[in-house]
């Protein structure tokens, strides 16, 4: 059983930055792809960014150039650096591990507001 714990959400003004972290239990973290999803008010959950075991990344168009996903296998941790935040980035952000099944964290709230 894999457990994912996200930290780093909060309230930030437009144009600000936040870094989300997701720590995973288990010893095989490095072989799995990871992702960050978000679900805004009244919206469907969407993939924000993904990273393969080899470090290849992909992003939803709306965050390209502003968000960066990275992983630190020695710490079983994946990060999402979010810069130039906009009110439309407000959402609950979820970390996921794409293993034999998909595992999800509990989510962390990000609110972008002045």
PDB file of N, CA and C in Angstrom:
ATOM      1  N   UNK A   1       0.843  -1.184   0.000  1.00  0.00           N
ATOM      2  CA  UNK A   1       0.000   0.000   0.000  1.00  0.00           C
ATOM      3  C   UNK A   1       0.885   1.242   0.000  1.00  0.00           C
ATOM      4  N   UNK A   2       0.630   2.143  -0.935  1.00  0.00           N
ATOM      5  CA  UNK A   2       1.384   3.389  -1.043  1.00  0.00           C
ATOM      6  C   UNK A   2       0.571   4.507  -0.416  1.00  0.00           C
ATOM      7  N   UNK A   3       1.233   5.328   0.372  1.00  0.00           N
ATOM      8  CA  UNK A   3       0.591   6.528   0.922  1.00  0.00           C
ATOM      9  C   UNK A   3       1.302   7.757   0.400  1.00  0.00           C
ATOM     10  N   UNK A   4       0.506   8.759   0.018  1.00  0.00           N
ATOM     11  CA  UNK A   4       1.034  10.006  -0.503  1.00  0.00           C
ATOM     12  C   UNK A   4       0.562  11.136   0.401  1.00  0.00           C
ATOM     13  N   UNK A   5       1.488  12.003   0.795  1.00  0.00           N
ATOM     14  CA  UNK A   5       1.160  13.114   1.683  1.00  0.00           C
ATOM     15  C   UNK A   5       1.634  14.410   1.041  1.00  0.00           C
ATOM     16  N   UNK A   6       0.674  15.283   0.720  1.00  0.00           N
ATOM     17  CA  UNK A   6       0.991  16.565   0.096  1.00  0.00           C
ATOM     18  C   UNK A   6       1.072  17.654   1.156  1.00  0.00           C
ATOM     19  N   UNK A   7       2.004  18.572   0.970  1.00  0.00           N
ATOM     20  CA  UNK A   7       2.103  19.769   1.802  1.00  0.00           C
ATOM     21  C   UNK A   7       2.461  20.944   0.898  1.00  0.00           C
ATOM     22  N   UNK A   8       2.179  22.143   1.391  1.00  0.00           N
ATOM     23  CA  UNK A   8       2.637  23.327   0.687  1.00  0.00           C
ATOM     24  C   UNK A   8       1.550  24.232   0.150  1.00  0.00           C
ATOM     25  N   UNK A   9       0.295  23.841   0.266  1.00  0.00           N
ATOM     26  CA  UNK A   9      -0.768  24.708  -0.219  1.00  0.00           C
ATOM     27  C   UNK A   9      -0.958  25.914   0.682  1.00  0.00           C
ATOM     28  N   UNK A  10      -1.849  26.810   0.264  1.00  0.00           N
ATOM     29  CA  UNK A  10      -2.124  27.984   1.074  1.00  0.00           C
ATOM     30  C   UNK A  10      -2.744  29.083   0.264  1.00  0.00           C
ATOM     31  N   UNK A  11      -2.774  30.281   0.868  1.00  0.00           N
ATOM     32  CA  UNK A  11      -3.324  31.464   0.228  1.00  0.00           C
ATOM     33  C   UNK A  11      -2.177  32.325  -0.279  1.00  0.00           C
ATOM     34  N   UNK A  12      -2.250  32.735  -1.528  1.00  0.00           N
ATOM     35  CA  UNK A  12      -1.195  33.559  -2.116  1.00  0.00           C
ATOM     36  C   UNK A  12      -1.840  34.604  -3.018  1.00  0.00           C
ATOM     37  N   UNK A  13      -1.192  35.745  -3.142  1.00  0.00           N
ATOM     38  CA  UNK A  13      -1.705  36.796  -4.014  1.00  0.00           C
ATOM     39  C   UNK A  13      -1.373  36.485  -5.468  1.00  0.00           C
ATOM     40  N   UNK A  14      -2.160  37.019  -6.388  1.00  0.00           N
ATOM     41  CA  UNK A  14      -1.827  36.849  -7.810  1.00  0.00           C
ATOM     42  C   UNK A  14      -0.398  37.304  -8.094  1.00  0.00           C
ATOM     43  N   UNK A  15       0.293  36.502  -8.892  1.00  0.00           N
ATOM     44  CA  UNK A  15       1.687  36.770  -9.190  1.00  0.00           C
ATOM     45  C   UNK A  15       2.655  36.118  -8.230  1.00  0.00           C
ATOM     46  N   UNK A  16       2.143  35.563  -7.158  1.00  0.00           N
ATOM     47  CA  UNK A  16       2.990  34.919  -6.164  1.00  0.00           C
ATOM     48  C   UNK A  16       3.380  33.507  -6.537  1.00  0.00           C
ATOM     49  N   UNK A  17       4.099  32.866  -5.617  1.00  0.00           N
ATOM     50  CA  UNK A  17       4.610  31.516  -5.851  1.00  0.00           C
ATOM     51  C   UNK A  17       4.308  30.611  -4.667  1.00  0.00           C
ATOM     52  N   UNK A  18       4.179  29.333  -4.965  1.00  0.00           N
ATOM     53  CA  UNK A  18       4.073  28.296  -3.956  1.00  0.00           C
ATOM     54  C   UNK A  18       4.809  27.070  -4.468  1.00  0.00           C
ATOM     55  N   UNK A  19       5.292  26.249  -3.539  1.00  0.00           N
ATOM     56  CA  UNK A  19       5.862  24.960  -3.914  1.00  0.00           C
ATOM     57  C   UNK A  19       5.130  23.872  -3.148  1.00  0.00           C
ATOM     58  N   UNK A  20       4.564  22.949  -3.898  1.00  0.00           N
ATOM     59  CA  UNK A  20       3.910  21.789  -3.315  1.00  0.00           C
ATOM     60  C   UNK A  20       4.885  20.625  -3.288  1.00  0.00           C
ATOM     61  N   UNK A  21       4.795  19.851  -2.219  1.00  0.00           N
ATOM     62  CA  UNK A  21       5.605  18.641  -2.101  1.00  0.00           C
ATOM     63  C   UNK A  21       4.692  17.455  -1.854  1.00  0.00           C
ATOM     64  N   UNK A  22       5.098  16.315  -2.346  1.00  0.00           N
ATOM     65  CA  UNK A  22       4.334  15.083  -2.150  1.00  0.00           C
ATOM     66  C   UNK A  22       5.323  13.978  -1.807  1.00  0.00           C
ATOM     67  N   UNK A  23       5.225  13.472  -0.592  1.00  0.00           N
ATOM     68  CA  UNK A  23       6.103  12.395  -0.145  1.00  0.00           C
ATOM     69  C   UNK A  23       5.363  11.070  -0.223  1.00  0.00           C
ATOM     70  N   UNK A  24       6.021  10.077  -0.801  1.00  0.00           N
ATOM     71  CA  UNK A  24       5.420   8.758  -0.985  1.00  0.00           C
ATOM     72  C   UNK A  24       6.096   7.718  -0.111  1.00  0.00           C
ATOM     73  N   UNK A  25       5.299   6.806   0.429  1.00  0.00           N
ATOM     74  CA  UNK A  25       5.860   5.679   1.158  1.00  0.00           C
ATOM     75  C   UNK A  25       6.255   4.607   0.144  1.00  0.00           C
ATOM     76  N   UNK A  26       7.043   3.638   0.568  1.00  0.00           N
ATOM     77  CA  UNK A  26       7.391   2.552  -0.330  1.00  0.00           C
ATOM     78  C   UNK A  26       8.794   2.693  -0.890  1.00  0.00           C
ATOM     79  N   UNK A  27       9.349   1.573  -1.316  1.00  0.00           N
ATOM     80  CA  UNK A  27      10.746   1.557  -1.749  1.00  0.00           C
ATOM     81  C   UNK A  27      10.907   1.535  -3.254  1.00  0.00           C
ATOM     82  N   UNK A  28       9.782   1.542  -3.987  1.00  0.00           N
ATOM     83  CA  UNK A  28       9.888   1.480  -5.447  1.00  0.00           C
ATOM     84  C   UNK A  28       9.423   2.756  -6.111  1.00  0.00           C
ATOM     85  N   UNK A  29       9.456   3.856  -5.385  1.00  0.00           N
ATOM     86  CA  UNK A  29       8.993   5.150  -5.890  1.00  0.00           C
ATOM     87  C   UNK A  29       9.630   5.490  -7.221  1.00  0.00           C
ATOM     88  N   UNK A  30      10.919   5.221  -7.347  1.00  0.00           N
ATOM     89  CA  UNK A  30      11.666   5.719  -8.503  1.00  0.00           C
ATOM     90  C   UNK A  30      11.217   5.101  -9.822  1.00  0.00           C
ATOM     91  N   UNK A  31      10.521   3.978  -9.790  1.00  0.00           N
ATOM     92  CA  UNK A  31      10.172   3.320 -11.054  1.00  0.00           C
ATOM     93  C   UNK A  31       8.828   3.782 -11.602  1.00  0.00           C
ATOM     94  N   UNK A  32       8.137   4.618 -10.848  1.00  0.00           N
ATOM     95  CA  UNK A  32       6.790   4.999 -11.258  1.00  0.00           C
ATOM     96  C   UNK A  32       6.702   6.444 -11.725  1.00  0.00           C
ATOM     97  N   UNK A  33       5.796   6.671 -12.671  1.00  0.00           N
ATOM     98  CA  UNK A  33       5.463   8.032 -13.069  1.00  0.00           C
ATOM     99  C   UNK A  33       4.617   8.673 -11.975  1.00  0.00           C
ATOM    100  N   UNK A  34       4.750   9.981 -11.856  1.00  0.00           N
ATOM    101  CA  UNK A  34       4.017  10.745 -10.862  1.00  0.00           C
ATOM    102  C   UNK A  34       3.284  11.893 -11.547  1.00  0.00           C
ATOM    103  N   UNK A  35       2.269  12.397 -10.890  1.00  0.00           N
ATOM    104  CA  UNK A  35       1.546  13.513 -11.481  1.00  0.00           C
ATOM    105  C   UNK A  35       0.912  14.402 -10.430  1.00  0.00           C
ATOM    106  N   UNK A  36       0.639  15.619 -10.859  1.00  0.00           N
ATOM    107  CA  UNK A  36      -0.159  16.554 -10.055  1.00  0.00           C
ATOM    108  C   UNK A  36      -1.441  16.862 -10.832  1.00  0.00           C
ATOM    109  N   UNK A  37      -2.558  16.722 -10.168  1.00  0.00           N
ATOM    110  CA  UNK A  37      -3.854  17.061 -10.720  1.00  0.00           C
ATOM    111  C   UNK A  37      -4.451  18.180  -9.868  1.00  0.00           C
ATOM    112  N   UNK A  38      -5.466  18.831 -10.397  1.00  0.00           N
ATOM    113  CA  UNK A  38      -6.181  19.819  -9.607  1.00  0.00           C
ATOM    114  C   UNK A  38      -7.671  19.789  -9.953  1.00  0.00           C
ATOM    115  N   UNK A  39      -8.454  20.222  -8.981  1.00  0.00           N
ATOM    116  CA  UNK A  39      -9.889  20.347  -9.195  1.00  0.00           C
ATOM    117  C   UNK A  39     -10.345  21.668  -8.611  1.00  0.00           C
ATOM    118  N   UNK A  40     -10.723  22.575  -9.510  1.00  0.00           N
ATOM    119  CA  UNK A  40     -11.209  23.870  -9.087  1.00  0.00           C
ATOM    120  C   UNK A  40     -12.692  23.841  -8.784  1.00  0.00           C
ATOM    121  N   UNK A  41     -13.212  24.899  -8.183  1.00  0.00           N
ATOM    122  CA  UNK A  41     -14.634  24.962  -7.837  1.00  0.00           C
ATOM    123  C   UNK A  41     -15.512  24.774  -9.074  1.00  0.00           C
ATOM    124  N   UNK A  42     -16.388  23.797  -9.024  1.00  0.00           N
ATOM    125  CA  UNK A  42     -17.302  23.552 -10.130  1.00  0.00           C
ATOM    126  C   UNK A  42     -16.648  23.000 -11.381  1.00  0.00           C
ATOM    127  N   UNK A  43     -15.413  22.533 -11.261  1.00  0.00           N
ATOM    128  CA  UNK A  43     -14.701  22.028 -12.432  1.00  0.00           C
ATOM    129  C   UNK A  43     -14.358  20.558 -12.263  1.00  0.00           C
ATOM    130  N   UNK A  44     -14.050  19.923 -13.389  1.00  0.00           N
ATOM    131  CA  UNK A  44     -13.582  18.547 -13.338  1.00  0.00           C
ATOM    132  C   UNK A  44     -12.098  18.506 -12.976  1.00  0.00           C
ATOM    133  N   UNK A  45     -11.678  17.393 -12.411  1.00  0.00           N
ATOM    134  CA  UNK A  45     -10.270  17.234 -12.102  1.00  0.00           C
ATOM    135  C   UNK A  45      -9.474  17.177 -13.398  1.00  0.00           C
ATOM    136  N   UNK A  46      -8.339  17.877 -13.421  1.00  0.00           N
ATOM    137  CA  UNK A  46      -7.517  17.884 -14.624  1.00  0.00           C
ATOM    138  C   UNK A  46      -6.054  17.631 -14.264  1.00  0.00           C
ATOM    139  N   UNK A  47      -5.340  17.022 -15.215  1.00  0.00           N
ATOM    140  CA  UNK A  47      -3.902  16.827 -15.053  1.00  0.00           C
ATOM    141  C   UNK A  47      -3.203  18.165 -15.226  1.00  0.00           C
ATOM    142  N   UNK A  48      -2.383  18.534 -14.266  1.00  0.00           N
ATOM    143  CA  UNK A  48      -1.604  19.767 -14.345  1.00  0.00           C
ATOM    144  C   UNK A  48      -0.216  19.490 -14.899  1.00  0.00           C
ATOM    145  N   UNK A  49       0.442  18.474 -14.342  1.00  0.00           N
ATOM    146  CA  UNK A  49       1.808  18.155 -14.754  1.00  0.00           C
ATOM    147  C   UNK A  49       2.100  16.703 -14.426  1.00  0.00           C
ATOM    148  N   UNK A  50       2.939  16.084 -15.249  1.00  0.00           N
ATOM    149  CA  UNK A  50       3.353  14.709 -15.011  1.00  0.00           C
ATOM    150  C   UNK A  50       4.842  14.566 -15.213  1.00  0.00           C
ATOM    151  N   UNK A  51       5.410  13.551 -14.570  1.00  0.00           N
ATOM    152  CA  UNK A  51       6.836  13.274 -14.724  1.00  0.00           C
ATOM    153  C   UNK A  51       7.034  11.770 -14.725  1.00  0.00           C
ATOM    154  N   UNK A  52       7.769  11.277 -15.708  1.00  0.00           N
ATOM    155  CA  UNK A  52       8.015   9.840 -15.811  1.00  0.00           C
ATOM    156  C   UNK A  52       9.142   9.430 -14.874  1.00  0.00           C
ATOM    157  N   UNK A  53       9.372   8.120 -14.788  1.00  0.00           N
ATOM    158  CA  UNK A  53      10.470   7.629 -13.963  1.00  0.00           C
ATOM    159  C   UNK A  53      11.805   8.138 -14.484  1.00  0.00           C
ATOM    160  N   UNK A  54      11.878   8.408 -15.756  1.00  0.00           N
ATOM    161  CA  UNK A  54      13.115   8.906 -16.352  1.00  0.00           C
ATOM    162  C   UNK A  54      13.247  10.417 -16.330  1.00  0.00           C
ATOM    163  N   UNK A  55      12.219  11.099 -15.826  1.00  0.00           N
ATOM    164  CA  UNK A  55      12.308  12.546 -15.685  1.00  0.00           C
ATOM    165  C   UNK A  55      11.672  13.355 -16.810  1.00  0.00           C
ATOM    166  N   UNK A  56      11.056  12.686 -17.768  1.00  0.00           N
ATOM    167  CA  UNK A  56      10.356  13.413 -18.824  1.00  0.00           C
ATOM    168  C   UNK A  56       9.096  14.044 -18.249  1.00  0.00           C
ATOM    169  N   UNK A  57       8.888  15.318 -18.593  1.00  0.00           N
ATOM    170  CA  UNK A  57       7.757  16.050 -18.014  1.00  0.00           C
ATOM    171  C   UNK A  57       6.745  16.464 -19.081  1.00  0.00           C
ATOM    172  N   UNK A  58       5.526  16.676 -18.639  1.00  0.00           N
ATOM    173  CA  UNK A  58       4.495  17.246 -19.504  1.00  0.00           C
ATOM    174  C   UNK A  58       3.599  18.123 -18.660  1.00  0.00           C
ATOM    175  N   UNK A  59       2.990  19.121 -19.317  1.00  0.00           N
ATOM    176  CA  UNK A  59       2.176  20.107 -18.619  1.00  0.00           C
ATOM    177  C   UNK A  59       0.911  20.423 -19.401  1.00  0.00           C
ATOM    178  N   UNK A  60      -0.136  20.773 -18.670  1.00  0.00           N
ATOM    179  CA  UNK A  60      -1.309  21.317 -19.331  1.00  0.00           C
ATOM    180  C   UNK A  60      -0.924  22.697 -19.871  1.00  0.00           C
ATOM    181  N   UNK A  61      -1.499  23.060 -20.990  1.00  0.00           N
ATOM    182  CA  UNK A  61      -1.098  24.287 -21.683  1.00  0.00           C
ATOM    183  C   UNK A  61      -1.173  25.518 -20.777  1.00  0.00           C
ATOM    184  N   UNK A  62      -2.164  25.574 -19.924  1.00  0.00           N
ATOM    185  CA  UNK A  62      -2.409  26.778 -19.129  1.00  0.00           C
ATOM    186  C   UNK A  62      -1.331  27.066 -18.082  1.00  0.00           C
ATOM    187  N   UNK A  63      -0.465  26.080 -17.793  1.00  0.00           N
ATOM    188  CA  UNK A  63       0.569  26.301 -16.774  1.00  0.00           C
ATOM    189  C   UNK A  63       1.977  26.268 -17.355  1.00  0.00           C
ATOM    190  N   UNK A  64       2.100  26.017 -18.636  1.00  0.00           N
ATOM    191  CA  UNK A  64       3.433  25.960 -19.252  1.00  0.00           C
ATOM    192  C   UNK A  64       4.162  27.285 -19.073  1.00  0.00           C
ATOM    193  N   UNK A  65       5.420  27.184 -18.662  1.00  0.00           N
ATOM    194  CA  UNK A  65       6.215  28.382 -18.421  1.00  0.00           C
ATOM    195  C   UNK A  65       6.051  28.953 -17.032  1.00  0.00           C
ATOM    196  N   UNK A  66       5.071  28.471 -16.284  1.00  0.00           N
ATOM    197  CA  UNK A  66       4.848  28.975 -14.925  1.00  0.00           C
ATOM    198  C   UNK A  66       5.076  27.910 -13.861  1.00  0.00           C
ATOM    199  N   UNK A  67       4.714  26.668 -14.166  1.00  0.00           N
ATOM    200  CA  UNK A  67       4.846  25.563 -13.201  1.00  0.00           C
ATOM    201  C   UNK A  67       5.976  24.640 -13.630  1.00  0.00           C
ATOM    202  N   UNK A  68       6.631  24.052 -12.633  1.00  0.00           N
ATOM    203  CA  UNK A  68       7.673  23.079 -12.892  1.00  0.00           C
ATOM    204  C   UNK A  68       7.499  21.877 -11.965  1.00  0.00           C
ATOM    205  N   UNK A  69       7.415  20.690 -12.566  1.00  0.00           N
ATOM    206  CA  UNK A  69       7.357  19.463 -11.785  1.00  0.00           C
ATOM    207  C   UNK A  69       8.749  18.854 -11.739  1.00  0.00           C
ATOM    208  N   UNK A  70       9.109  18.303 -10.590  1.00  0.00           N
ATOM    209  CA  UNK A  70      10.409  17.648 -10.448  1.00  0.00           C
ATOM    210  C   UNK A  70      10.282  16.540  -9.412  1.00  0.00           C
ATOM    211  N   UNK A  71      11.265  15.676  -9.382  1.00  0.00           N
ATOM    212  CA  UNK A  71      11.242  14.583  -8.416  1.00  0.00           C
ATOM    213  C   UNK A  71      12.614  14.383  -7.815  1.00  0.00           C
ATOM    214  N   UNK A  72      12.618  13.925  -6.584  1.00  0.00           N
ATOM    215  CA  UNK A  72      13.844  13.617  -5.866  1.00  0.00           C
ATOM    216  C   UNK A  72      13.686  12.201  -5.345  1.00  0.00           C
ATOM    217  N   UNK A  73      14.191  11.241  -6.114  1.00  0.00           N
ATOM    218  CA  UNK A  73      13.963   9.831  -5.794  1.00  0.00           C
ATOM    219  C   UNK A  73      14.552   9.427  -4.443  1.00  0.00           C
ATOM    220  N   UNK A  74      15.671  10.037  -4.069  1.00  0.00           N
ATOM    221  CA  UNK A  74      16.298   9.684  -2.789  1.00  0.00           C
ATOM    222  C   UNK A  74      15.389  10.012  -1.607  1.00  0.00           C
ATOM    223  N   UNK A  75      14.457  10.953  -1.822  1.00  0.00           N
ATOM    224  CA  UNK A  75      13.525  11.347  -0.762  1.00  0.00           C
ATOM    225  C   UNK A  75      12.098  10.899  -1.037  1.00  0.00           C
ATOM    226  N   UNK A  76      11.932  10.093  -2.096  1.00  0.00           N
ATOM    227  CA  UNK A  76      10.577   9.643  -2.456  1.00  0.00           C
ATOM    228  C   UNK A  76       9.604  10.811  -2.561  1.00  0.00           C
ATOM    229  N   UNK A  77      10.053  11.890  -3.173  1.00  0.00           N
ATOM    230  CA  UNK A  77       9.268  13.116  -3.178  1.00  0.00           C
ATOM    231  C   UNK A  77       9.166  13.699  -4.583  1.00  0.00           C
ATOM    232  N   UNK A  78       7.986  14.198  -4.890  1.00  0.00           N
ATOM    233  CA  UNK A  78       7.767  14.940  -6.121  1.00  0.00           C
ATOM    234  C   UNK A  78       7.317  16.343  -5.736  1.00  0.00           C
ATOM    235  N   UNK A  79       7.744  17.320  -6.527  1.00  0.00           N
ATOM    236  CA  UNK A  79       7.464  18.716  -6.244  1.00  0.00           C
ATOM    237  C   UNK A  79       6.689  19.362  -7.391  1.00  0.00           C
ATOM    238  N   UNK A  80       5.973  20.413  -7.056  1.00  0.00           N
ATOM    239  CA  UNK A  80       5.367  21.264  -8.078  1.00  0.00           C
ATOM    240  C   UNK A  80       5.657  22.707  -7.684  1.00  0.00           C
ATOM    241  N   UNK A  81       6.582  23.325  -8.421  1.00  0.00           N
ATOM    242  CA  UNK A  81       6.890  24.735  -8.202  1.00  0.00           C
ATOM    243  C   UNK A  81       5.933  25.544  -9.049  1.00  0.00           C
ATOM    244  N   UNK A  82       5.182  26.428  -8.410  1.00  0.00           N
ATOM    245  CA  UNK A  82       4.170  27.218  -9.106  1.00  0.00           C
ATOM    246  C   UNK A  82       4.517  28.697  -8.983  1.00  0.00           C
ATOM    247  N   UNK A  83       4.788  29.313 -10.102  1.00  0.00           N
ATOM    248  CA  UNK A  83       5.133  30.735 -10.147  1.00  0.00           C
ATOM    249  C   UNK A  83       4.067  31.503 -10.924  1.00  0.00           C
ATOM    250  N   UNK A  84       4.079  32.812 -10.763  1.00  0.00           N
ATOM    251  CA  UNK A  84       3.138  33.685 -11.481  1.00  0.00           C
ATOM    252  C   UNK A  84       1.711  33.172 -11.354  1.00  0.00           C
ATOM    253  N   UNK A  85       1.332  32.872 -10.149  1.00  0.00           N
ATOM    254  CA  UNK A  85       0.016  32.272  -9.923  1.00  0.00           C
ATOM    255  C   UNK A  85      -1.109  33.230 -10.272  1.00  0.00           C
ATOM    256  N   UNK A  86      -2.186  32.654 -10.789  1.00  0.00           N
ATOM    257  CA  UNK A  86      -3.362  33.404 -11.208  1.00  0.00           C
ATOM    258  C   UNK A  86      -4.587  32.935 -10.416  1.00  0.00           C
ATOM    259  N   UNK A  87      -5.598  33.775 -10.310  1.00  0.00           N
ATOM    260  CA  UNK A  87      -6.804  33.334  -9.600  1.00  0.00           C
ATOM    261  C   UNK A  87      -7.391  32.030 -10.159  1.00  0.00           C
ATOM    262  N   UNK A  88      -7.250  31.813 -11.453  1.00  0.00           N
ATOM    263  CA  UNK A  88      -7.794  30.585 -12.044  1.00  0.00           C
ATOM    264  C   UNK A  88      -6.997  29.334 -11.682  1.00  0.00           C
ATOM    265  N   UNK A  89      -5.865  29.512 -11.003  1.00  0.00           N
ATOM    266  CA  UNK A  89      -5.117  28.351 -10.489  1.00  0.00           C
ATOM    267  C   UNK A  89      -5.681  27.858  -9.157  1.00  0.00           C
ATOM    268  N   UNK A  90      -6.648  28.594  -8.618  1.00  0.00           N
ATOM    269  CA  UNK A  90      -7.266  28.181  -7.358  1.00  0.00           C
ATOM    270  C   UNK A  90      -7.922  26.815  -7.509  1.00  0.00           C
ATOM    271  N   UNK A  91      -7.540  25.891  -6.648  1.00  0.00           N
ATOM    272  CA  UNK A  91      -8.039  24.519  -6.744  1.00  0.00           C
ATOM    273  C   UNK A  91      -7.482  23.704  -5.590  1.00  0.00           C
ATOM    274  N   UNK A  92      -8.021  22.509  -5.442  1.00  0.00           N
ATOM    275  CA  UNK A  92      -7.380  21.504  -4.603  1.00  0.00           C
ATOM    276  C   UNK A  92      -6.428  20.725  -5.497  1.00  0.00           C
ATOM    277  N   UNK A  93      -5.189  20.638  -5.074  1.00  0.00           N
ATOM    278  CA  UNK A  93      -4.157  19.965  -5.855  1.00  0.00           C
ATOM    279  C   UNK A  93      -3.878  18.591  -5.251  1.00  0.00           C
ATOM    280  N   UNK A  94      -3.853  17.593  -6.127  1.00  0.00           N
ATOM    281  CA  UNK A  94      -3.656  16.207  -5.720  1.00  0.00           C
ATOM    282  C   UNK A  94      -2.405  15.636  -6.373  1.00  0.00           C
ATOM    283  N   UNK A  95      -1.678  14.888  -5.604  1.00  0.00           N
ATOM    284  CA  UNK A  95      -0.533  14.141  -6.104  1.00  0.00           C
ATOM    285  C   UNK A  95      -0.993  12.718  -6.418  1.00  0.00           C
ATOM    286  N   UNK A  96      -0.460  12.142  -7.476  1.00  0.00           N
ATOM    287  CA  UNK A  96      -0.797  10.766  -7.801  1.00  0.00           C
ATOM    288  C   UNK A  96       0.436   9.989  -8.220  1.00  0.00           C
ATOM    289  N   UNK A  97       0.438   8.719  -7.900  1.00  0.00           N
ATOM    290  CA  UNK A  97       1.500   7.796  -8.314  1.00  0.00           C
ATOM    291  C   UNK A  97       0.869   6.777  -9.237  1.00  0.00           C
ATOM    292  N   UNK A  98       1.423   6.658 -10.434  1.00  0.00           N
ATOM    293  CA  UNK A  98       0.874   5.735 -11.434  1.00  0.00           C
ATOM    294  C   UNK A  98       1.609   4.416 -11.339  1.00  0.00           C
ATOM    295  N   UNK A  99       1.116   3.533 -10.455  1.00  0.00           N
ATOM    296  CA  UNK A  99       1.704   2.219 -10.282  1.00  0.00           C
ATOM    297  C   UNK A  99       0.810   1.155 -10.894  1.00  0.00           C
ATOM    298  N   UNK A 100       0.863  -0.056 -10.360  1.00  0.00           N
ATOM    299  CA  UNK A 100      -0.066  -1.099 -10.826  1.00  0.00           C
ATOM    300  C   UNK A 100      -1.514  -0.627 -10.713  1.00  0.00           C
ATOM    301  N   UNK A 101      -1.754   0.201  -9.741  1.00  0.00           N
ATOM    302  CA  UNK A 101      -2.982   0.987  -9.631  1.00  0.00           C
ATOM    303  C   UNK A 101      -2.561   2.422  -9.355  1.00  0.00           C
ATOM    304  N   UNK A 102      -3.493   3.341  -9.531  1.00  0.00           N
ATOM    305  CA  UNK A 102      -3.191   4.739  -9.228  1.00  0.00           C
ATOM    306  C   UNK A 102      -3.450   5.022  -7.756  1.00  0.00           C
ATOM    307  N   UNK A 103      -2.470   5.660  -7.121  1.00  0.00           N
ATOM    308  CA  UNK A 103      -2.636   6.089  -5.741  1.00  0.00           C
ATOM    309  C   UNK A 103      -2.758   7.607  -5.700  1.00  0.00           C
ATOM    310  N   UNK A 104      -3.586   8.103  -4.772  1.00  0.00           N
ATOM    311  CA  UNK A 104      -3.854   9.538  -4.670  1.00  0.00           C
ATOM    312  C   UNK A 104      -3.586  10.035  -3.265  1.00  0.00           C
ATOM    313  N   UNK A 105      -3.093  11.270  -3.190  1.00  0.00           N
ATOM    314  CA  UNK A 105      -2.982  11.928  -1.903  1.00  0.00           C
ATOM    315  C   UNK A 105      -4.315  12.521  -1.488  1.00  0.00           C
ATOM    316  N   UNK A 106      -4.305  13.160  -0.321  1.00  0.00           N
ATOM    317  CA  UNK A 106      -5.546  13.700   0.232  1.00  0.00           C
ATOM    318  C   UNK A 106      -5.888  15.062  -0.357  1.00  0.00           C
ATOM    319  N   UNK A 107      -4.933  15.680  -1.022  1.00  0.00           N
ATOM    320  CA  UNK A 107      -5.153  16.986  -1.628  1.00  0.00           C
ATOM    321  C   UNK A 107      -4.732  18.123  -0.717  1.00  0.00           C
ATOM    322  N   UNK A 108      -4.324  19.221  -1.352  1.00  0.00           N
ATOM    323  CA  UNK A 108      -3.956  20.426  -0.607  1.00  0.00           C
ATOM    324  C   UNK A 108      -4.562  21.629  -1.332  1.00  0.00           C
ATOM    325  N   UNK A 109      -5.154  22.535  -0.572  1.00  0.00           N
ATOM    326  CA  UNK A 109      -5.857  23.667  -1.157  1.00  0.00           C
ATOM    327  C   UNK A 109      -4.880  24.769  -1.532  1.00  0.00           C
ATOM    328  N   UNK A 110      -5.015  25.264  -2.751  1.00  0.00           N
ATOM    329  CA  UNK A 110      -4.272  26.433  -3.208  1.00  0.00           C
ATOM    330  C   UNK A 110      -5.298  27.501  -3.571  1.00  0.00           C
ATOM    331  N   UNK A 111      -5.186  28.650  -2.942  1.00  0.00           N
ATOM    332  CA  UNK A 111      -6.094  29.754  -3.214  1.00  0.00           C
ATOM    333  C   UNK A 111      -5.283  30.971  -3.645  1.00  0.00           C
ATOM    334  N   UNK A 112      -5.608  31.484  -4.822  1.00  0.00           N
ATOM    335  CA  UNK A 112      -4.913  32.651  -5.359  1.00  0.00           C
ATOM    336  C   UNK A 112      -5.910  33.806  -5.369  1.00  0.00           C
ATOM    337  N   UNK A 113      -5.666  34.768  -4.495  1.00  0.00           N
ATOM    338  CA  UNK A 113      -6.624  35.857  -4.338  1.00  0.00           C
ATOM    339  C   UNK A 113      -5.941  37.047  -3.697  1.00  0.00           C
ATOM    340  N   UNK A 114      -6.408  38.231  -4.079  1.00  0.00           N
ATOM    341  CA  UNK A 114      -5.892  39.448  -3.465  1.00  0.00           C
ATOM    342  C   UNK A 114      -6.782  39.867  -2.300  1.00  0.00           C
TER     343      UNK A 114
END
